[in-house]
Amino acid sequence: MGSTGLTRVPIYAILILCNKVKEILPMDPVQLTIIVISFILTLLLVLLGVQVWYILKEIRTAIIKTNTMLDDAKKVTGTVGDSVSSMSGVISGIKAALSVFKSFGKKNEDEGEKYV
């Protein structure tokens, strides 16, 4: 008999608790389920929105870093291009000087043949 008395107390407590819940929430179980699922889905969508926000923020920082890298590469290629153009100017100057020396050398040879 002692075991039946112990099992009846929790059952009565559960029935009393269920009656209290029915008094607090006087709606159908289907409506309650829909409301609970709506709250859970809203919470999940908010968390998903926050994660998308962080992903977009990371993409923005990656794009900014890529832009700075491309700007630096533009500066480097501009510097290399300037040095190559100045080098070509030096080479053309050397060619001009050599052609001048060659023309003086040919004149001296021509004059030397006249006297011989």
Protein backbone atom coordinates (compact mmCIF):
# COMPACT_ATOMS: atom_id res chain seq x y z
CA MET A 1 0.00 0.00 0.00
CA GLY A 2 2.90 2.34 0.64
CA SER A 3 4.02 2.16 -2.96
CA THR A 4 0.60 3.13 -4.33
CA GLY A 5 0.47 6.16 -2.06
CA LEU A 6 3.84 7.34 -3.34
CA THR A 7 2.80 6.94 -6.96
CA ARG A 8 -0.47 8.78 -6.45
CA VAL A 9 1.14 11.93 -5.06
CA PRO A 10 3.18 12.76 -8.17
CA ILE A 11 0.24 11.92 -10.42
CA TYR A 12 -1.99 14.29 -8.46
CA ALA A 13 0.70 16.94 -8.60
CA ILE A 14 0.98 16.55 -12.37
CA LEU A 15 -2.81 16.80 -12.76
CA ILE A 16 -2.93 19.91 -10.58
CA LEU A 17 -0.04 21.43 -12.57
CA CYS A 18 -1.80 20.65 -15.85
CA ASN A 19 -4.97 22.31 -14.58
CA LYS A 20 -2.95 25.39 -13.55
CA VAL A 21 -1.35 25.53 -17.01
CA LYS A 22 -4.80 25.32 -18.60
CA GLU A 23 -5.95 28.19 -16.42
CA ILE A 24 -2.91 30.31 -17.35
CA LEU A 25 -2.96 29.43 -21.05
CA PRO A 26 -6.59 28.93 -22.04
CA MET A 27 -5.88 27.84 -25.64
CA ASP A 28 -5.76 24.70 -27.67
CA PRO A 29 -2.59 22.63 -27.78
CA VAL A 30 -2.40 23.25 -31.54
CA GLN A 31 -2.37 27.03 -31.02
CA LEU A 32 0.23 26.69 -28.29
CA THR A 33 2.39 24.53 -30.55
CA ILE A 34 2.14 27.04 -33.39
CA ILE A 35 3.13 29.90 -31.07
CA VAL A 36 6.11 27.99 -29.66
CA ILE A 37 7.28 27.00 -33.15
CA SER A 38 6.87 30.61 -34.31
CA PHE A 39 9.06 31.86 -31.45
CA ILE A 40 11.71 29.21 -32.17
CA LEU A 41 11.75 30.03 -35.89
CA THR A 42 11.97 33.76 -35.14
CA LEU A 43 14.92 33.15 -32.84
CA LEU A 44 16.65 31.00 -35.48
CA LEU A 45 16.09 33.62 -38.18
CA VAL A 46 17.52 36.35 -35.95
CA LEU A 47 20.61 34.23 -35.26
CA LEU A 48 20.94 33.49 -38.97
CA GLY A 49 20.71 37.20 -39.74
CA VAL A 50 23.47 37.97 -37.27
CA GLN A 51 25.69 35.31 -38.84
CA VAL A 52 25.02 36.70 -42.34
CA TRP A 53 25.93 40.14 -41.01
CA TYR A 54 29.29 38.83 -39.74
CA ILE A 55 29.95 37.03 -43.04
CA LEU A 56 29.25 40.19 -45.03
CA LYS A 57 31.53 42.14 -42.69
CA GLU A 58 34.36 39.64 -43.30
CA ILE A 59 33.79 39.82 -47.07
CA ARG A 60 34.00 43.61 -46.87
CA THR A 61 37.33 43.51 -45.03
CA ALA A 62 38.67 40.95 -47.53
CA ILE A 63 37.67 43.19 -50.43
CA ILE A 64 39.32 46.20 -48.77
CA LYS A 65 42.54 44.22 -48.27
CA THR A 66 42.46 43.04 -51.88
CA ASN A 67 41.96 46.62 -53.04
CA THR A 68 44.99 47.83 -51.08
CA MET A 69 47.07 44.97 -52.49
CA LEU A 70 46.05 45.93 -56.02
CA ASP A 71 46.87 49.59 -55.33
CA ASP A 72 50.32 48.57 -54.09
CA ALA A 73 50.85 46.38 -57.16
CA LYS A 74 49.88 49.37 -59.33
CA LYS A 75 52.49 51.51 -57.60
CA VAL A 76 55.16 48.82 -58.04
CA THR A 77 54.40 48.31 -61.72
CA GLY A 78 54.39 52.09 -62.23
CA THR A 79 57.81 52.32 -60.61
CA VAL A 80 59.13 49.45 -62.71
CA GLY A 81 57.67 51.02 -65.84
CA ASP A 82 59.31 54.36 -65.05
CA SER A 83 62.68 52.72 -64.46
CA VAL A 84 62.41 50.74 -67.71
CA SER A 85 61.55 53.90 -69.65
CA SER A 86 64.48 55.77 -68.09
CA MET A 87 66.72 52.78 -68.86
CA SER A 88 65.56 52.87 -72.47
CA GLY A 89 66.35 56.60 -72.53
CA VAL A 90 69.86 55.88 -71.27
CA ILE A 91 70.33 53.15 -73.88
CA SER A 92 69.12 55.42 -76.67
CA GLY A 93 71.53 58.10 -75.44
CA ILE A 94 74.40 55.61 -75.54
CA LYS A 95 73.40 54.59 -79.06
CA ALA A 96 73.35 58.23 -80.14
CA ALA A 97 76.78 58.82 -78.62
CA LEU A 98 78.19 55.72 -80.34
CA SER A 99 76.76 56.82 -83.68
CA VAL A 100 78.38 60.24 -83.22
CA PHE A 101 81.73 58.61 -82.45
CA LYS A 102 81.34 56.33 -85.47
CA SER A 103 80.62 59.28 -87.73
CA PHE A 104 83.73 61.10 -86.44
CA GLY A 105 85.73 57.92 -86.99
CA LYS A 106 84.49 57.62 -90.59
CA LYS A 107 85.33 61.28 -91.28
CA ASN A 108 88.86 60.78 -89.98
CA GLU A 109 89.29 57.69 -92.16
CA ASP A 110 87.97 59.57 -95.21
CA GLU A 111 90.33 62.47 -94.56
CA GLY A 112 93.24 60.10 -94.06
CA GLU A 113 92.61 58.52 -97.49
CA LYS A 114 92.62 61.93 -99.16
CA TYR A 115 96.15 62.69 -97.96
CA VAL A 116 97.56 59.36 -98.95
